[in-house]
Amino acid sequence: MIRVNSGPSNGSRREFVANTLRYGVLGALAAAGALAVAKRRRLVREGRCMNDGLCLGCAAYRGCDLPAALHARQFSERNDHAATK
């Protein structure tokens, strides 16, 4: 007698649910990352600080052209030169 598969088996259903959850979480993480990048670009484009004015701990400190970062760099360079004299 030939067995006809009329629908998905339990293993297939279980795999379907697991894959749906796995790729759903992956999609949510990708969306969250894209939103974070978009927010960062928007803040930079608007000339606003993305690190709440904490320049020395910021990853973009060396390349930042915002007035607070420029002032912080000038201040730290002035202190570095004063310490070497």
PDB file of N, CA and C in Angstrom:
ATOM      1  N   MET A   1       0.838  -1.159   0.000  1.00  0.00           N
ATOM      2  CA  MET A   1       0.000   0.000   0.000  1.00  0.00           C
ATOM      3  C   MET A   1       0.899   1.244   0.000  1.00  0.00           C
ATOM      4  N   ILE A   2       0.532   2.234  -0.823  1.00  0.00           N
ATOM      5  CA  ILE A   2       1.296   3.467  -0.933  1.00  0.00           C
ATOM      6  C   ILE A   2       0.702   4.480   0.034  1.00  0.00           C
ATOM      7  N   ARG A   3       1.595   5.076   0.806  1.00  0.00           N
ATOM      8  CA  ARG A   3       1.158   6.070   1.779  1.00  0.00           C
ATOM      9  C   ARG A   3       1.187   7.454   1.123  1.00  0.00           C
ATOM     10  N   VAL A   4       0.092   8.165   1.164  1.00  0.00           N
ATOM     11  CA  VAL A   4      -0.011   9.490   0.561  1.00  0.00           C
ATOM     12  C   VAL A   4       0.111  10.515   1.687  1.00  0.00           C
ATOM     13  N   ASN A   5       1.025  11.434   1.501  1.00  0.00           N
ATOM     14  CA  ASN A   5       1.236  12.482   2.500  1.00  0.00           C
ATOM     15  C   ASN A   5       0.215  13.588   2.255  1.00  0.00           C
ATOM     16  N   SER A   6      -0.773  13.674   3.116  1.00  0.00           N
ATOM     17  CA  SER A   6      -1.850  14.635   2.921  1.00  0.00           C
ATOM     18  C   SER A   6      -1.542  15.993   3.555  1.00  0.00           C
ATOM     19  N   GLY A   7      -0.500  16.090   4.324  1.00  0.00           N
ATOM     20  CA  GLY A   7      -0.154  17.347   4.972  1.00  0.00           C
ATOM     21  C   GLY A   7       1.201  17.237   5.632  1.00  0.00           C
ATOM     22  N   PRO A   8       1.649  18.305   6.204  1.00  0.00           N
ATOM     23  CA  PRO A   8       2.959  18.273   6.844  1.00  0.00           C
ATOM     24  C   PRO A   8       2.947  17.385   8.080  1.00  0.00           C
ATOM     25  N   SER A   9       4.042  16.719   8.297  1.00  0.00           N
ATOM     26  CA  SER A   9       4.141  15.876   9.492  1.00  0.00           C
ATOM     27  C   SER A   9       4.518  16.741  10.690  1.00  0.00           C
ATOM     28  N   ASN A  10       4.513  16.139  11.871  1.00  0.00           N
ATOM     29  CA  ASN A  10       4.849  16.882  13.077  1.00  0.00           C
ATOM     30  C   ASN A  10       6.259  17.450  13.019  1.00  0.00           C
ATOM     31  N   GLY A  11       7.200  16.677  12.463  1.00  0.00           N
ATOM     32  CA  GLY A  11       8.566  17.169  12.348  1.00  0.00           C
ATOM     33  C   GLY A  11       8.635  18.383  11.441  1.00  0.00           C
ATOM     34  N   SER A  12       7.932  18.361  10.354  1.00  0.00           N
ATOM     35  CA  SER A  12       7.918  19.493   9.429  1.00  0.00           C
ATOM     36  C   SER A  12       7.247  20.703  10.061  1.00  0.00           C
ATOM     37  N   ARG A  13       6.189  20.470  10.794  1.00  0.00           N
ATOM     38  CA  ARG A  13       5.500  21.567  11.463  1.00  0.00           C
ATOM     39  C   ARG A  13       6.408  22.191  12.522  1.00  0.00           C
ATOM     40  N   ARG A  14       7.100  21.349  13.257  1.00  0.00           N
ATOM     41  CA  ARG A  14       8.018  21.826  14.287  1.00  0.00           C
ATOM     42  C   ARG A  14       9.146  22.644  13.646  1.00  0.00           C
ATOM     43  N   GLU A  15       9.678  22.152  12.532  1.00  0.00           N
ATOM     44  CA  GLU A  15      10.732  22.884  11.828  1.00  0.00           C
ATOM     45  C   GLU A  15      10.211  24.212  11.287  1.00  0.00           C
ATOM     46  N   PHE A  16       8.989  24.197  10.792  1.00  0.00           N
ATOM     47  CA  PHE A  16       8.388  25.422  10.280  1.00  0.00           C
ATOM     48  C   PHE A  16       8.271  26.479  11.373  1.00  0.00           C
ATOM     49  N   VAL A  17       7.779  26.078  12.538  1.00  0.00           N
ATOM     50  CA  VAL A  17       7.617  27.020  13.644  1.00  0.00           C
ATOM     51  C   VAL A  17       8.986  27.518  14.110  1.00  0.00           C
ATOM     52  N   ALA A  18       9.949  26.611  14.245  1.00  0.00           N
ATOM     53  CA  ALA A  18      11.291  27.005  14.676  1.00  0.00           C
ATOM     54  C   ALA A  18      11.917  27.970  13.674  1.00  0.00           C
ATOM     55  N   ASN A  19      11.791  27.665  12.392  1.00  0.00           N
ATOM     56  CA  ASN A  19      12.354  28.553  11.369  1.00  0.00           C
ATOM     57  C   ASN A  19      11.647  29.905  11.344  1.00  0.00           C
ATOM     58  N   THR A  20      10.336  29.894  11.521  1.00  0.00           N
ATOM     59  CA  THR A  20       9.584  31.144  11.554  1.00  0.00           C
ATOM     60  C   THR A  20      10.047  32.023  12.706  1.00  0.00           C
ATOM     61  N   LEU A  21      10.189  31.443  13.885  1.00  0.00           N
ATOM     62  CA  LEU A  21      10.668  32.212  15.035  1.00  0.00           C
ATOM     63  C   LEU A  21      12.107  32.678  14.825  1.00  0.00           C
ATOM     64  N   ARG A  22      12.962  31.800  14.345  1.00  0.00           N
ATOM     65  CA  ARG A  22      14.370  32.135  14.134  1.00  0.00           C
ATOM     66  C   ARG A  22      14.508  33.312  13.175  1.00  0.00           C
ATOM     67  N   TYR A  23      13.837  33.218  12.030  1.00  0.00           N
ATOM     68  CA  TYR A  23      13.966  34.276  11.038  1.00  0.00           C
ATOM     69  C   TYR A  23      13.184  35.523  11.419  1.00  0.00           C
ATOM     70  N   GLY A  24      12.163  35.364  12.220  1.00  0.00           N
ATOM     71  CA  GLY A  24      11.455  36.534  12.742  1.00  0.00           C
ATOM     72  C   GLY A  24      12.335  37.338  13.684  1.00  0.00           C
ATOM     73  N   VAL A  25      13.045  36.648  14.575  1.00  0.00           N
ATOM     74  CA  VAL A  25      13.969  37.329  15.491  1.00  0.00           C
ATOM     75  C   VAL A  25      15.113  37.946  14.713  1.00  0.00           C
ATOM     76  N   LEU A  26      15.630  37.240  13.722  1.00  0.00           N
ATOM     77  CA  LEU A  26      16.704  37.773  12.890  1.00  0.00           C
ATOM     78  C   LEU A  26      16.241  39.034  12.157  1.00  0.00           C
ATOM     79  N   GLY A  27      15.039  39.020  11.645  1.00  0.00           N
ATOM     80  CA  GLY A  27      14.489  40.195  10.981  1.00  0.00           C
ATOM     81  C   GLY A  27      14.311  41.365  11.933  1.00  0.00           C
ATOM     82  N   ALA A  28      13.857  41.075  13.161  1.00  0.00           N
ATOM     83  CA  ALA A  28      13.694  42.136  14.155  1.00  0.00           C
ATOM     84  C   ALA A  28      15.039  42.744  14.530  1.00  0.00           C
ATOM     85  N   LEU A  29      16.067  41.920  14.681  1.00  0.00           N
ATOM     86  CA  LEU A  29      17.403  42.438  14.976  1.00  0.00           C
ATOM     87  C   LEU A  29      17.941  43.293  13.832  1.00  0.00           C
ATOM     88  N   ALA A  30      17.718  42.849  12.603  1.00  0.00           N
ATOM     89  CA  ALA A  30      18.159  43.625  11.441  1.00  0.00           C
ATOM     90  C   ALA A  30      17.426  44.963  11.382  1.00  0.00           C
ATOM     91  N   ALA A  31      16.137  44.957  11.670  1.00  0.00           N
ATOM     92  CA  ALA A  31      15.356  46.199  11.670  1.00  0.00           C
ATOM     93  C   ALA A  31      15.835  47.145  12.765  1.00  0.00           C
ATOM     94  N   ALA A  32      16.119  46.615  13.947  1.00  0.00           N
ATOM     95  CA  ALA A  32      16.619  47.451  15.043  1.00  0.00           C
ATOM     96  C   ALA A  32      17.972  48.056  14.679  1.00  0.00           C
ATOM     97  N   GLY A  33      18.837  47.277  14.059  1.00  0.00           N
ATOM     98  CA  GLY A  33      20.130  47.794  13.627  1.00  0.00           C
ATOM     99  C   GLY A  33      19.983  48.880  12.578  1.00  0.00           C
ATOM    100  N   ALA A  34      19.085  48.676  11.632  1.00  0.00           N
ATOM    101  CA  ALA A  34      18.851  49.678  10.595  1.00  0.00           C
ATOM    102  C   ALA A  34      18.293  50.968  11.189  1.00  0.00           C
ATOM    103  N   LEU A  35      17.409  50.846  12.169  1.00  0.00           N
ATOM    104  CA  LEU A  35      16.871  52.038  12.831  1.00  0.00           C
ATOM    105  C   LEU A  35      17.959  52.788  13.601  1.00  0.00           C
ATOM    106  N   ALA A  36      18.863  52.053  14.251  1.00  0.00           N
ATOM    107  CA  ALA A  36      19.952  52.688  14.988  1.00  0.00           C
ATOM    108  C   ALA A  36      20.886  53.440  14.041  1.00  0.00           C
ATOM    109  N   VAL A  37      21.200  52.840  12.912  1.00  0.00           N
ATOM    110  CA  VAL A  37      22.065  53.496  11.927  1.00  0.00           C
ATOM    111  C   VAL A  37      21.367  54.725  11.360  1.00  0.00           C
ATOM    112  N   ALA A  38      20.085  54.612  11.061  1.00  0.00           N
ATOM    113  CA  ALA A  38      19.339  55.747  10.526  1.00  0.00           C
ATOM    114  C   ALA A  38      19.284  56.891  11.533  1.00  0.00           C
ATOM    115  N   LYS A  39      19.094  56.565  12.800  1.00  0.00           N
ATOM    116  CA  LYS A  39      19.056  57.607  13.835  1.00  0.00           C
ATOM    117  C   LYS A  39      20.399  58.297  13.948  1.00  0.00           C
ATOM    118  N   ARG A  40      21.472  57.515  13.917  1.00  0.00           N
ATOM    119  CA  ARG A  40      22.817  58.088  14.020  1.00  0.00           C
ATOM    120  C   ARG A  40      23.094  59.025  12.845  1.00  0.00           C
ATOM    121  N   ARG A  41      22.736  58.600  11.640  1.00  0.00           N
ATOM    122  CA  ARG A  41      22.944  59.446  10.463  1.00  0.00           C
ATOM    123  C   ARG A  41      22.106  60.708  10.536  1.00  0.00           C
ATOM    124  N   ARG A  42      20.882  60.577  11.019  1.00  0.00           N
ATOM    125  CA  ARG A  42      20.016  61.761  11.141  1.00  0.00           C
ATOM    126  C   ARG A  42      20.590  62.749  12.127  1.00  0.00           C
ATOM    127  N   LEU A  43      21.076  62.270  13.268  1.00  0.00           N
ATOM    128  CA  LEU A  43      21.650  63.165  14.269  1.00  0.00           C
ATOM    129  C   LEU A  43      22.888  63.864  13.735  1.00  0.00           C
ATOM    130  N   VAL A  44      23.728  63.149  13.014  1.00  0.00           N
ATOM    131  CA  VAL A  44      24.932  63.757  12.449  1.00  0.00           C
ATOM    132  C   VAL A  44      24.545  64.791  11.393  1.00  0.00           C
ATOM    133  N   ARG A  45      23.575  64.447  10.547  1.00  0.00           N
ATOM    134  CA  ARG A  45      23.131  65.364   9.493  1.00  0.00           C
ATOM    135  C   ARG A  45      22.548  66.641  10.097  1.00  0.00           C
ATOM    136  N   GLU A  46      21.855  66.514  11.219  1.00  0.00           N
ATOM    137  CA  GLU A  46      21.259  67.679  11.873  1.00  0.00           C
ATOM    138  C   GLU A  46      22.273  68.432  12.719  1.00  0.00           C
ATOM    139  N   GLY A  47      23.481  67.901  12.855  1.00  0.00           N
ATOM    140  CA  GLY A  47      24.501  68.566  13.652  1.00  0.00           C
ATOM    141  C   GLY A  47      24.284  68.409  15.143  1.00  0.00           C
ATOM    142  N   ARG A  48      23.654  67.325  15.520  1.00  0.00           N
ATOM    143  CA  ARG A  48      23.398  67.079  16.948  1.00  0.00           C
ATOM    144  C   ARG A  48      24.285  65.952  17.430  1.00  0.00           C
ATOM    145  N   CYS A  49      24.642  65.996  18.684  1.00  0.00           N
ATOM    146  CA  CYS A  49      25.504  64.999  19.294  1.00  0.00           C
ATOM    147  C   CYS A  49      24.740  63.703  19.511  1.00  0.00           C
ATOM    148  N   MET A  50      25.397  62.593  19.202  1.00  0.00           N
ATOM    149  CA  MET A  50      24.766  61.293  19.385  1.00  0.00           C
ATOM    150  C   MET A  50      25.181  60.635  20.687  1.00  0.00           C
ATOM    151  N   ASN A  51      26.056  61.308  21.446  1.00  0.00           N
ATOM    152  CA  ASN A  51      26.563  60.715  22.681  1.00  0.00           C
ATOM    153  C   ASN A  51      26.296  61.626  23.878  1.00  0.00           C
ATOM    154  N   ASP A  52      25.269  62.440  23.788  1.00  0.00           N
ATOM    155  CA  ASP A  52      24.842  63.349  24.864  1.00  0.00           C
ATOM    156  C   ASP A  52      25.961  64.254  25.365  1.00  0.00           C
ATOM    157  N   GLY A  53      26.840  64.685  24.473  1.00  0.00           N
ATOM    158  CA  GLY A  53      27.891  65.636  24.830  1.00  0.00           C
ATOM    159  C   GLY A  53      29.084  65.046  25.552  1.00  0.00           C
ATOM    160  N   LEU A  54      29.162  63.742  25.658  1.00  0.00           N
ATOM    161  CA  LEU A  54      30.305  63.091  26.308  1.00  0.00           C
ATOM    162  C   LEU A  54      31.356  62.785  25.241  1.00  0.00           C
ATOM    163  N   CYS A  55      32.114  63.805  24.859  1.00  0.00           N
ATOM    164  CA  CYS A  55      32.992  63.706  23.693  1.00  0.00           C
ATOM    165  C   CYS A  55      34.147  62.725  23.884  1.00  0.00           C
ATOM    166  N   LEU A  56      34.794  62.748  25.024  1.00  0.00           N
ATOM    167  CA  LEU A  56      35.999  61.932  25.184  1.00  0.00           C
ATOM    168  C   LEU A  56      35.719  60.439  25.143  1.00  0.00           C
ATOM    169  N   GLY A  57      34.521  60.006  25.470  1.00  0.00           N
ATOM    170  CA  GLY A  57      34.182  58.595  25.433  1.00  0.00           C
ATOM    171  C   GLY A  57      33.490  58.169  24.144  1.00  0.00           C
ATOM    172  N   CYS A  58      33.377  59.085  23.192  1.00  0.00           N
ATOM    173  CA  CYS A  58      32.639  58.811  21.962  1.00  0.00           C
ATOM    174  C   CYS A  58      33.540  58.152  20.928  1.00  0.00           C
ATOM    175  N   ALA A  59      32.973  57.205  20.182  1.00  0.00           N
ATOM    176  CA  ALA A  59      33.729  56.516  19.137  1.00  0.00           C
ATOM    177  C   ALA A  59      34.017  57.443  17.957  1.00  0.00           C
ATOM    178  N   ALA A  60      33.196  58.459  17.747  1.00  0.00           N
ATOM    179  CA  ALA A  60      33.368  59.382  16.623  1.00  0.00           C
ATOM    180  C   ALA A  60      34.114  60.650  17.022  1.00  0.00           C
ATOM    181  N   TYR A  61      34.760  60.656  18.167  1.00  0.00           N
ATOM    182  CA  TYR A  61      35.380  61.862  18.720  1.00  0.00           C
ATOM    183  C   TYR A  61      36.421  62.471  17.783  1.00  0.00           C
ATOM    184  N   ARG A  62      37.313  61.686  17.243  1.00  0.00           N
ATOM    185  CA  ARG A  62      38.397  62.215  16.395  1.00  0.00           C
ATOM    186  C   ARG A  62      37.887  62.809  15.089  1.00  0.00           C
ATOM    187  N   GLY A  63      36.821  62.276  14.540  1.00  0.00           N
ATOM    188  CA  GLY A  63      36.319  62.767  13.267  1.00  0.00           C
ATOM    189  C   GLY A  63      35.126  63.699  13.390  1.00  0.00           C
ATOM    190  N   CYS A  64      34.731  64.019  14.599  1.00  0.00           N
ATOM    191  CA  CYS A  64      33.529  64.825  14.825  1.00  0.00           C
ATOM    192  C   CYS A  64      33.840  66.308  14.632  1.00  0.00           C
ATOM    193  N   ASP A  65      32.947  67.001  13.899  1.00  0.00           N
ATOM    194  CA  ASP A  65      33.131  68.436  13.660  1.00  0.00           C
ATOM    195  C   ASP A  65      32.107  69.285  14.410  1.00  0.00           C
ATOM    196  N   LEU A  66      31.427  68.696  15.369  1.00  0.00           N
ATOM    197  CA  LEU A  66      30.483  69.473  16.163  1.00  0.00           C
ATOM    198  C   LEU A  66      31.251  70.408  17.089  1.00  0.00           C
ATOM    199  N   PRO A  67      30.671  71.558  17.424  1.00  0.00           N
ATOM    200  CA  PRO A  67      31.384  72.537  18.250  1.00  0.00           C
ATOM    201  C   PRO A  67      31.860  71.985  19.597  1.00  0.00           C
ATOM    202  N   ALA A  68      31.078  71.143  20.228  1.00  0.00           N
ATOM    203  CA  ALA A  68      31.496  70.593  21.530  1.00  0.00           C
ATOM    204  C   ALA A  68      32.739  69.719  21.383  1.00  0.00           C
ATOM    205  N   ALA A  69      32.809  68.922  20.316  1.00  0.00           N
ATOM    206  CA  ALA A  69      33.971  68.066  20.094  1.00  0.00           C
ATOM    207  C   ALA A  69      35.192  68.892  19.738  1.00  0.00           C
ATOM    208  N   LEU A  70      35.018  69.928  18.926  1.00  0.00           N
ATOM    209  CA  LEU A  70      36.145  70.807  18.590  1.00  0.00           C
ATOM    210  C   LEU A  70      36.688  71.480  19.842  1.00  0.00           C
ATOM    211  N   HIS A  71      35.801  71.943  20.700  1.00  0.00           N
ATOM    212  CA  HIS A  71      36.221  72.573  21.954  1.00  0.00           C
ATOM    213  C   HIS A  71      36.930  71.564  22.861  1.00  0.00           C
ATOM    214  N   ALA A  72      36.404  70.363  22.936  1.00  0.00           N
ATOM    215  CA  ALA A  72      37.033  69.338  23.778  1.00  0.00           C
ATOM    216  C   ALA A  72      38.417  68.980  23.264  1.00  0.00           C
ATOM    217  N   ARG A  73      38.575  68.899  21.943  1.00  0.00           N
ATOM    218  CA  ARG A  73      39.900  68.605  21.381  1.00  0.00           C
ATOM    219  C   ARG A  73      40.873  69.738  21.664  1.00  0.00           C
ATOM    220  N   GLN A  74      40.428  70.987  21.496  1.00  0.00           N
ATOM    221  CA  GLN A  74      41.304  72.123  21.786  1.00  0.00           C
ATOM    222  C   GLN A  74      41.704  72.127  23.252  1.00  0.00           C
ATOM    223  N   PHE A  75      40.760  71.847  24.125  1.00  0.00           N
ATOM    224  CA  PHE A  75      41.039  71.830  25.551  1.00  0.00           C
ATOM    225  C   PHE A  75      42.024  70.719  25.905  1.00  0.00           C
ATOM    226  N   SER A  76      41.831  69.530  25.335  1.00  0.00           N
ATOM    227  CA  SER A  76      42.734  68.417  25.653  1.00  0.00           C
ATOM    228  C   SER A  76      44.122  68.655  25.064  1.00  0.00           C
ATOM    229  N   GLU A  77      44.204  69.273  23.862  1.00  0.00           N
ATOM    230  CA  GLU A  77      45.516  69.592  23.287  1.00  0.00           C
ATOM    231  C   GLU A  77      46.221  70.642  24.125  1.00  0.00           C
ATOM    232  N   ARG A  78      45.483  71.638  24.614  1.00  0.00           N
ATOM    233  CA  ARG A  78      46.068  72.671  25.467  1.00  0.00           C
ATOM    234  C   ARG A  78      46.607  72.058  26.754  1.00  0.00           C
ATOM    235  N   ASN A  79      45.853  71.132  27.336  1.00  0.00           N
ATOM    236  CA  ASN A  79      46.308  70.481  28.566  1.00  0.00           C
ATOM    237  C   ASN A  79      47.490  69.561  28.302  1.00  0.00           C
ATOM    238  N   ASP A  80      47.511  68.881  27.132  1.00  0.00           N
ATOM    239  CA  ASP A  80      48.640  68.028  26.793  1.00  0.00           C
ATOM    240  C   ASP A  80      49.911  68.837  26.636  1.00  0.00           C
ATOM    241  N   HIS A  81      49.805  70.015  25.993  1.00  0.00           N
ATOM    242  CA  HIS A  81      50.986  70.862  25.803  1.00  0.00           C
ATOM    243  C   HIS A  81      51.451  71.457  27.130  1.00  0.00           C
ATOM    244  N   ALA A  82      50.527  71.781  28.003  1.00  0.00           N
ATOM    245  CA  ALA A  82      50.893  72.343  29.308  1.00  0.00           C
ATOM    246  C   ALA A  82      51.559  71.285  30.175  1.00  0.00           C
ATOM    247  N   ALA A  83      51.163  70.048  30.046  1.00  0.00           N
ATOM    248  CA  ALA A  83      51.737  68.983  30.868  1.00  0.00           C
ATOM    249  C   ALA A  83      53.159  68.627  30.411  1.00  0.00           C
ATOM    250  N   THR A  84      53.481  68.844  29.141  1.00  0.00           N
ATOM    251  CA  THR A  84      54.808  68.513  28.645  1.00  0.00           C
ATOM    252  C   THR A  84      55.813  69.599  28.893  1.00  0.00           C
ATOM    253  N   LYS A  85      55.381  70.802  29.269  1.00  0.00           N
ATOM    254  CA  LYS A  85      56.328  71.912  29.524  1.00  0.00           C
ATOM    255  C   LYS A  85      56.966  71.789  30.870  1.00  0.00           C
TER     256      LYS A  85
END
